[in-house]
Amino acid sequence: MHLEQQSPLMTHAATTAAAHAEASMRAAVFDRYGPVDAVQLAQVARPQPQDDAVLVRVVAAGLHAGDCFCVRGEPFPVRLMMGLRKPKVGIPGFDLAGRVEAVGPKVTRFKPGDEVFGAGMGSCAEYASVREQELALKPASLDFEQAAALTTSGLAALHALRDVAKLERGQKLLIIGAAGGVGHFAVQIAKAMGAEVTGVCSTRNTAWVRELGADRVIDYTKEDFTQGGPRYDAIVDNVENRSLSECRSALTPNGTLILNSGTGAGGLGLLRRLLAPLLISPFVRQNLRRYLSVPKHEDLLALAEMAQAGTLRAAVEKVFPLAQTVQALRHLETGHSRGKVVVRI
């Protein structure tokens, strides 16, 4: 019997190729700022977790409007986080859900095989390295797509209502953009907090926003909330296509206006929009606020508990495969997505 023997050179080449395959991964990538159409599928190096980080095998990545801004590098302030001249991590996506592949030596909360969700840069990839503090165990009641949709938008809603508005039972709340990513979570969280909730959305979403729990829904194509209607103890504006004075007219004298977009302008107009409420607020009775929502393990646990209890659900409008990340980003850029958009890896 004749056995064919490989040369040492061929064996080494095969071993090297296998090792390279194990150390790489598929990802949606962009190497410079520009249109979302420039995002491409490619093989890139697999990240390695640092001491306090977890390597997650990503099952699903949740997207939001901020991912489009990061790919475009506009408005300019996003570059302070992403890199001034070019992206430091040229993979879109911050939100994810998946299984723990490996953990750094200082990680104590997670072990390989755990199903988790949280926030880590570059989630539109087969693997992502995430700080332990920005992860939590996935609620058993949610599938991976729902869990991936939860983090950034859910936390933004939680922080706006709990920490900024300090919403109390019985208070009147207006949510502008109630059918969007942050808005649909805000409706549910506010109802769980005992508020009287009014949502503003388009005609096609009015019935759906009521299903989420809103006590009243305003169709902005038929009714203007700034024209002599009720006044609200707090307003969460996720759209910012109305002037500051118009929004203030719908607030109670001591009410809180929470602005959560600021992207309806560019250049000096954007700077003015971002800074105006902060400069005016000290001189008026009303509280005009912008805020920074930072993912923390404890707050992810709060979302997970609400999801497990059935008081919070992530509405996933569309799921795209990784190879169609561009189409997912294009859909977000329309500004008319209902709930969340997810990429399945």
Protein backbone atom coordinates (compact mmCIF):
# COMPACT_ATOMS: atom_id res chain seq x y z
CA MET A 1 0.00 0.00 0.00
CA HIS A 2 1.34 3.36 -1.00
CA LEU A 3 0.83 6.37 1.36
CA GLU A 4 1.29 9.79 -0.15
CA GLN A 5 3.42 11.95 2.13
CA GLN A 6 3.16 15.76 2.25
CA SER A 7 6.33 17.78 2.26
CA PRO A 8 7.16 19.78 5.43
CA LEU A 9 6.70 22.99 3.38
CA MET A 10 3.19 22.01 2.31
CA THR A 11 2.29 20.98 5.87
CA HIS A 12 3.54 24.32 7.23
CA ALA A 13 1.56 26.25 4.60
CA ALA A 14 -1.62 24.35 5.44
CA THR A 15 -1.10 24.92 9.18
CA THR A 16 -0.46 28.63 8.61
CA ALA A 17 -3.58 28.96 6.47
CA ALA A 18 -5.70 27.21 9.10
CA ALA A 19 -4.31 29.42 11.87
CA HIS A 20 -5.02 32.52 9.79
CA ALA A 21 -8.59 31.36 9.18
CA GLU A 22 -9.09 30.84 12.92
CA ALA A 23 -7.69 34.32 13.69
CA SER A 24 -9.87 36.14 11.15
CA MET A 25 -13.58 36.83 10.88
CA ARG A 26 -16.19 38.22 8.52
CA ALA A 27 -17.21 41.80 9.15
CA ALA A 28 -18.90 44.77 7.51
CA VAL A 29 -16.09 47.32 7.14
CA PHE A 30 -15.39 50.90 6.06
CA ASP A 31 -11.90 52.41 6.02
CA ARG A 32 -12.86 56.07 5.51
CA TYR A 33 -15.81 58.33 6.25
CA GLY A 34 -18.40 58.64 3.52
CA PRO A 35 -21.74 57.29 2.25
CA VAL A 36 -23.04 54.11 3.85
CA ASP A 37 -22.81 52.44 0.41
CA ALA A 38 -19.04 52.22 0.97
CA VAL A 39 -19.49 49.56 3.68
CA GLN A 40 -18.28 46.19 2.38
CA LEU A 41 -18.09 42.61 3.62
CA ALA A 42 -14.48 41.51 4.24
CA GLN A 43 -12.22 39.18 6.23
CA VAL A 44 -10.48 41.04 9.04
CA ALA A 45 -8.47 40.16 12.13
CA ARG A 46 -10.47 38.79 15.03
CA PRO A 47 -10.27 41.07 18.11
CA GLN A 48 -8.58 39.88 21.28
CA PRO A 49 -10.16 40.66 24.65
CA GLN A 50 -8.19 42.82 27.08
CA ASP A 51 -7.93 42.03 30.79
CA ASP A 52 -11.43 43.32 31.65
CA ALA A 53 -13.10 42.41 28.36
CA VAL A 54 -15.12 39.54 26.90
CA LEU A 55 -14.84 38.09 23.39
CA VAL A 56 -18.39 37.61 22.14
CA ARG A 57 -19.37 35.43 19.20
CA VAL A 58 -21.98 37.79 17.80
CA VAL A 59 -25.33 36.33 16.78
CA ALA A 60 -27.12 39.62 16.11
CA ALA A 61 -26.19 43.31 15.99
CA GLY A 62 -28.68 46.08 16.70
CA LEU A 63 -28.41 49.27 14.65
CA HIS A 64 -29.60 52.83 15.23
CA ALA A 65 -29.25 56.20 13.51
CA GLY A 66 -25.93 56.83 15.23
CA ASP A 67 -24.37 54.01 13.22
CA CYS A 68 -25.11 55.94 10.00
CA PHE A 69 -23.52 59.07 11.49
CA CYS A 70 -20.40 57.10 12.43
CA VAL A 71 -19.99 55.71 8.90
CA ARG A 72 -20.43 59.16 7.40
CA GLY A 73 -18.34 60.94 10.03
CA GLU A 74 -21.14 63.50 10.23
CA PRO A 75 -22.12 65.48 12.20
CA PHE A 76 -18.51 66.25 13.01
CA PRO A 77 -18.73 65.62 16.81
CA VAL A 78 -19.01 61.87 16.14
CA ARG A 79 -15.38 61.94 15.02
CA LEU A 80 -14.31 62.81 18.56
CA MET A 81 -15.35 59.28 19.44
CA MET A 82 -14.63 57.47 16.16
CA GLY A 83 -11.39 59.16 15.06
CA LEU A 84 -10.78 62.60 13.56
CA ARG A 85 -9.39 61.69 10.11
CA LYS A 86 -10.49 58.09 9.74
CA PRO A 87 -12.36 55.57 11.88
CA LYS A 88 -10.37 53.81 14.57
CA VAL A 89 -12.75 50.84 14.39
CA GLY A 90 -14.04 50.66 10.83
CA ILE A 91 -16.91 48.29 11.60
CA PRO A 92 -20.42 49.69 12.18
CA GLY A 93 -22.60 48.69 15.08
CA PHE A 94 -22.53 49.17 18.85
CA ASP A 95 -25.26 46.85 20.11
CA LEU A 96 -24.98 43.08 20.12
CA ALA A 97 -26.20 39.80 21.48
CA GLY A 98 -24.35 36.52 21.32
CA ARG A 99 -22.37 33.90 23.22
CA VAL A 100 -19.20 34.35 25.23
CA GLU A 101 -16.23 32.85 23.40
CA ALA A 102 -13.45 33.82 25.80
CA VAL A 103 -12.86 36.14 28.76
CA GLY A 104 -9.97 38.29 29.94
CA PRO A 105 -8.18 37.35 33.20
CA LYS A 106 -9.95 40.06 35.23
CA VAL A 107 -13.49 39.14 34.12
CA THR A 108 -15.59 37.68 36.94
CA ARG A 109 -19.23 37.91 35.77
CA PHE A 110 -19.11 35.77 32.61
CA LYS A 111 -17.75 32.48 31.32
CA PRO A 112 -17.54 30.87 27.87
CA GLY A 113 -20.93 29.76 26.63
CA ASP A 114 -22.94 32.44 28.45
CA GLU A 115 -25.61 34.16 26.34
CA VAL A 116 -25.15 37.91 26.69
CA PHE A 117 -26.22 41.29 25.32
CA GLY A 118 -24.66 44.72 25.56
CA ALA A 119 -22.65 47.40 23.81
CA GLY A 120 -19.31 47.08 22.04
CA MET A 121 -17.86 48.92 19.05
CA GLY A 122 -17.84 47.00 15.79
CA SER A 123 -20.75 44.64 16.37
CA CYS A 124 -21.49 43.98 12.65
CA ALA A 125 -18.92 41.20 12.71
CA GLU A 126 -18.62 37.58 13.74
CA TYR A 127 -16.77 38.54 16.93
CA ALA A 128 -16.53 41.64 19.11
CA SER A 129 -14.53 42.48 22.22
CA VAL A 130 -16.73 44.07 24.89
CA ARG A 131 -15.87 45.45 28.33
CA GLU A 132 -17.37 43.37 31.12
CA GLN A 133 -19.10 46.47 32.51
CA GLU A 134 -21.03 46.88 29.24
CA LEU A 135 -22.52 43.38 29.15
CA ALA A 136 -25.30 41.49 30.91
CA LEU A 137 -26.79 38.02 30.65
CA LYS A 138 -29.44 37.84 27.94
CA PRO A 139 -33.00 37.57 29.29
CA ALA A 140 -34.39 34.13 28.54
CA SER A 141 -37.62 35.74 27.32
CA LEU A 142 -35.84 37.48 24.42
CA ASP A 143 -34.34 35.93 21.31
CA PHE A 144 -30.95 37.17 20.11
CA GLU A 145 -32.42 39.69 17.65
CA GLN A 146 -34.62 41.26 20.34
CA ALA A 147 -31.77 41.36 22.84
CA ALA A 148 -29.43 42.97 20.30
CA ALA A 149 -32.02 45.69 19.72
CA LEU A 150 -32.28 46.54 23.40
CA THR A 151 -29.06 48.20 24.50
CA THR A 152 -28.41 51.71 23.16
CA SER A 153 -32.01 52.74 22.48
CA GLY A 154 -33.36 51.09 25.62
CA LEU A 155 -30.72 52.72 27.80
CA ALA A 156 -31.27 56.11 26.14
CA ALA A 157 -34.96 55.88 27.03
CA LEU A 158 -34.27 54.69 30.58
CA HIS A 159 -31.70 57.41 31.27
CA ALA A 160 -33.91 60.13 29.81
CA LEU A 161 -36.93 59.21 31.91
CA ARG A 162 -35.40 57.96 35.13
CA ASP A 163 -32.29 60.10 35.46
CA VAL A 164 -33.01 63.32 33.55
CA ALA A 165 -36.79 63.82 33.72
CA LYS A 166 -36.96 62.02 37.10
CA LEU A 167 -40.41 61.00 35.97
CA GLU A 168 -43.00 60.44 38.69
CA ARG A 169 -46.24 58.50 38.75
CA GLY A 170 -49.14 60.49 37.33
CA GLN A 171 -47.02 63.03 35.46
CA LYS A 172 -47.85 63.88 31.86
CA LEU A 173 -45.18 62.94 29.32
CA LEU A 174 -44.98 63.71 25.59
CA ILE A 175 -42.72 61.54 23.42
CA ILE A 176 -41.91 62.94 19.98
CA GLY A 177 -40.86 60.14 17.63
CA ALA A 178 -42.74 57.57 19.69
CA ALA A 179 -42.51 54.86 17.02
CA GLY A 180 -38.72 55.02 16.64
CA GLY A 181 -35.96 53.07 18.33
CA VAL A 182 -35.72 55.17 21.50
CA GLY A 183 -39.34 56.31 21.35
CA HIS A 184 -40.98 52.89 21.45
CA PHE A 185 -38.90 51.94 24.49
CA ALA A 186 -39.71 55.27 26.15
CA VAL A 187 -43.45 54.65 25.80
CA GLN A 188 -43.16 51.30 27.56
CA ILE A 189 -40.78 52.42 30.31
CA ALA A 190 -42.83 55.53 31.06
CA LYS A 191 -46.00 53.45 31.41
CA ALA A 192 -44.17 51.08 33.75
CA MET A 193 -43.24 54.15 35.80
CA GLY A 194 -46.89 55.17 36.03
CA ALA A 195 -46.84 58.22 33.75
CA GLU A 196 -49.62 59.45 31.50
CA VAL A 197 -48.06 59.05 28.05
CA THR A 198 -48.80 60.85 24.80
CA GLY A 199 -46.90 59.74 21.70
CA VAL A 200 -46.29 61.72 18.51
CA CYS A 201 -45.88 59.71 15.30
CA SER A 202 -47.05 59.35 11.69
CA THR A 203 -50.45 58.04 10.61
CA ARG A 204 -49.27 54.49 9.90
CA ASN A 205 -47.89 54.11 13.44
CA THR A 206 -50.70 55.51 15.56
CA ALA A 207 -52.42 52.19 16.30
CA TRP A 208 -49.07 50.54 17.02
CA VAL A 209 -47.99 53.22 19.50
CA ARG A 210 -51.32 52.74 21.32
CA GLU A 211 -50.56 49.01 21.48
CA LEU A 212 -47.25 49.85 23.14
CA GLY A 213 -49.24 51.50 25.93
CA ALA A 214 -49.58 55.19 25.04
CA ASP A 215 -52.68 56.77 26.61
CA ARG A 216 -53.01 59.21 23.72
CA VAL A 217 -51.43 59.38 20.25
CA ILE A 218 -50.96 62.50 18.12
CA ASP A 219 -50.72 62.03 14.36
CA TYR A 220 -48.36 64.84 13.42
CA THR A 221 -49.80 64.99 9.89
CA LYS A 222 -53.18 66.01 11.35
CA GLU A 223 -52.47 67.68 14.68
CA ASP A 224 -49.82 70.09 16.02
CA PHE A 225 -48.93 69.48 19.66
CA THR A 226 -47.64 73.07 19.99
CA GLN A 227 -50.97 74.68 19.10
CA GLY A 228 -53.00 75.15 22.26
CA GLY A 229 -53.13 71.55 23.44
CA PRO A 230 -52.35 70.22 26.91
CA ARG A 231 -49.09 71.05 28.63
CA TYR A 232 -46.72 68.33 29.72
CA ASP A 233 -44.50 67.84 32.75
CA ALA A 234 -41.81 66.39 30.49
CA ILE A 235 -41.17 66.12 26.76
CA VAL A 236 -38.69 63.70 25.18
CA ASP A 237 -37.87 64.95 21.68
CA ASN A 238 -36.23 62.24 19.56
CA VAL A 239 -36.67 64.16 16.29
CA GLU A 240 -35.88 67.86 16.91
CA ASN A 241 -37.56 69.25 13.84
CA ARG A 242 -39.41 71.91 15.86
CA SER A 243 -37.95 75.07 17.34
CA LEU A 244 -37.00 75.31 20.98
CA SER A 245 -39.69 77.92 21.62
CA GLU A 246 -42.37 75.72 20.03
CA CYS A 247 -41.46 72.77 22.25
CA ARG A 248 -41.30 74.98 25.34
CA SER A 249 -44.83 76.21 24.64
CA ALA A 250 -46.09 72.67 25.25
CA LEU A 251 -44.31 72.38 28.62
CA THR A 252 -45.64 73.26 32.05
CA PRO A 253 -43.91 76.30 33.62
CA ASN A 254 -41.54 73.98 35.52
CA GLY A 255 -41.45 71.19 32.97
CA THR A 256 -38.42 69.38 31.53
CA LEU A 257 -37.56 69.25 27.82
CA ILE A 258 -35.15 66.45 26.95
CA LEU A 259 -33.54 66.78 23.54
CA ASN A 260 -32.24 63.54 22.07
CA SER A 261 -31.25 64.23 18.47
CA GLY A 262 -29.59 67.51 17.52
CA THR A 263 -28.88 66.23 14.03
CA GLY A 264 -31.43 68.21 12.08
CA ALA A 265 -28.81 70.78 11.12
CA GLY A 266 -25.17 71.03 10.06
CA GLY A 267 -22.20 73.32 10.60
CA LEU A 268 -22.88 76.33 12.82
CA GLY A 269 -26.58 75.50 12.74
CA LEU A 270 -25.84 72.18 14.44
CA LEU A 271 -23.64 73.86 17.05
CA ARG A 272 -26.38 76.37 17.79
CA ARG A 273 -28.98 73.60 18.07
CA LEU A 274 -26.79 71.58 20.42
CA LEU A 275 -25.81 74.46 22.69
CA ALA A 276 -28.91 76.69 22.74
CA PRO A 277 -30.90 74.72 25.33
CA LEU A 278 -27.90 74.44 27.64
CA LEU A 279 -27.27 78.21 27.46
CA ILE A 280 -30.91 79.18 27.92
CA SER A 281 -31.85 76.73 30.68
CA PRO A 282 -30.16 78.57 33.60
CA PHE A 283 -32.26 81.68 32.87
CA VAL A 284 -35.73 80.09 32.62
CA ARG A 285 -37.92 78.09 35.00
CA GLN A 286 -38.17 75.20 32.59
CA ASN A 287 -35.40 72.61 32.54
CA LEU A 288 -33.88 72.23 29.04
CA ARG A 289 -31.57 69.25 28.87
CA ARG A 290 -29.27 67.21 26.72
CA TYR A 291 -27.72 64.12 28.21
CA LEU A 292 -25.16 61.40 27.62
CA SER A 293 -26.33 57.81 27.86
CA VAL A 294 -23.45 55.49 28.81
CA PRO A 295 -23.96 51.71 28.99
CA LYS A 296 -23.48 50.23 32.46
CA HIS A 297 -23.95 46.68 33.68
CA GLU A 298 -26.44 47.74 36.37
CA ASP A 299 -28.66 49.56 33.87
CA LEU A 300 -28.52 46.64 31.43
CA LEU A 301 -29.77 44.49 34.31
CA ALA A 302 -32.66 46.94 34.80
CA LEU A 303 -33.65 46.55 31.13
CA ALA A 304 -33.26 42.77 31.35
CA GLU A 305 -35.53 42.64 34.42
CA MET A 306 -38.25 44.66 32.66
CA ALA A 307 -37.98 42.45 29.58
CA GLN A 308 -38.17 39.29 31.68
CA ALA A 309 -41.20 40.67 33.52
CA GLY A 310 -42.94 41.40 30.21
CA THR A 311 -43.16 45.18 30.71
CA LEU A 312 -40.57 45.92 28.01
CA ARG A 313 -40.25 44.39 24.58
CA ALA A 314 -37.94 45.22 21.72
CA ALA A 315 -39.90 45.65 18.50
CA VAL A 316 -37.70 44.50 15.62
CA GLU A 317 -39.03 45.83 12.33
CA LYS A 318 -36.49 44.24 9.98
CA VAL A 319 -33.64 41.74 10.17
CA PHE A 320 -30.89 41.86 7.54
CA PRO A 321 -28.07 39.33 7.01
CA LEU A 322 -24.51 40.56 7.57
CA ALA A 323 -23.93 40.73 3.80
CA GLN A 324 -26.76 43.30 3.59
CA THR A 325 -25.49 45.70 6.26
CA VAL A 326 -25.53 48.49 3.66
CA GLN A 327 -29.25 47.92 3.04
CA ALA A 328 -29.87 48.01 6.80
CA LEU A 329 -28.06 51.35 7.10
CA ARG A 330 -29.92 52.74 4.10
CA HIS A 331 -33.22 51.80 5.72
CA LEU A 332 -32.23 53.63 8.89
CA GLU A 333 -31.30 56.71 6.88
CA THR A 334 -34.88 57.04 5.66
CA GLY A 335 -35.80 58.08 9.19
CA HIS A 336 -39.03 56.07 9.02
CA SER A 337 -38.12 52.75 10.61
CA ARG A 338 -40.59 51.41 13.16
CA GLY A 339 -38.87 50.13 16.25
CA LYS A 340 -35.45 48.58 15.64
CA VAL A 341 -33.33 47.29 12.75
CA VAL A 342 -31.08 44.27 13.37
CA VAL A 343 -28.28 42.55 11.45
CA ARG A 344 -28.13 38.77 11.83
CA ILE A 345 -24.55 37.53 11.69
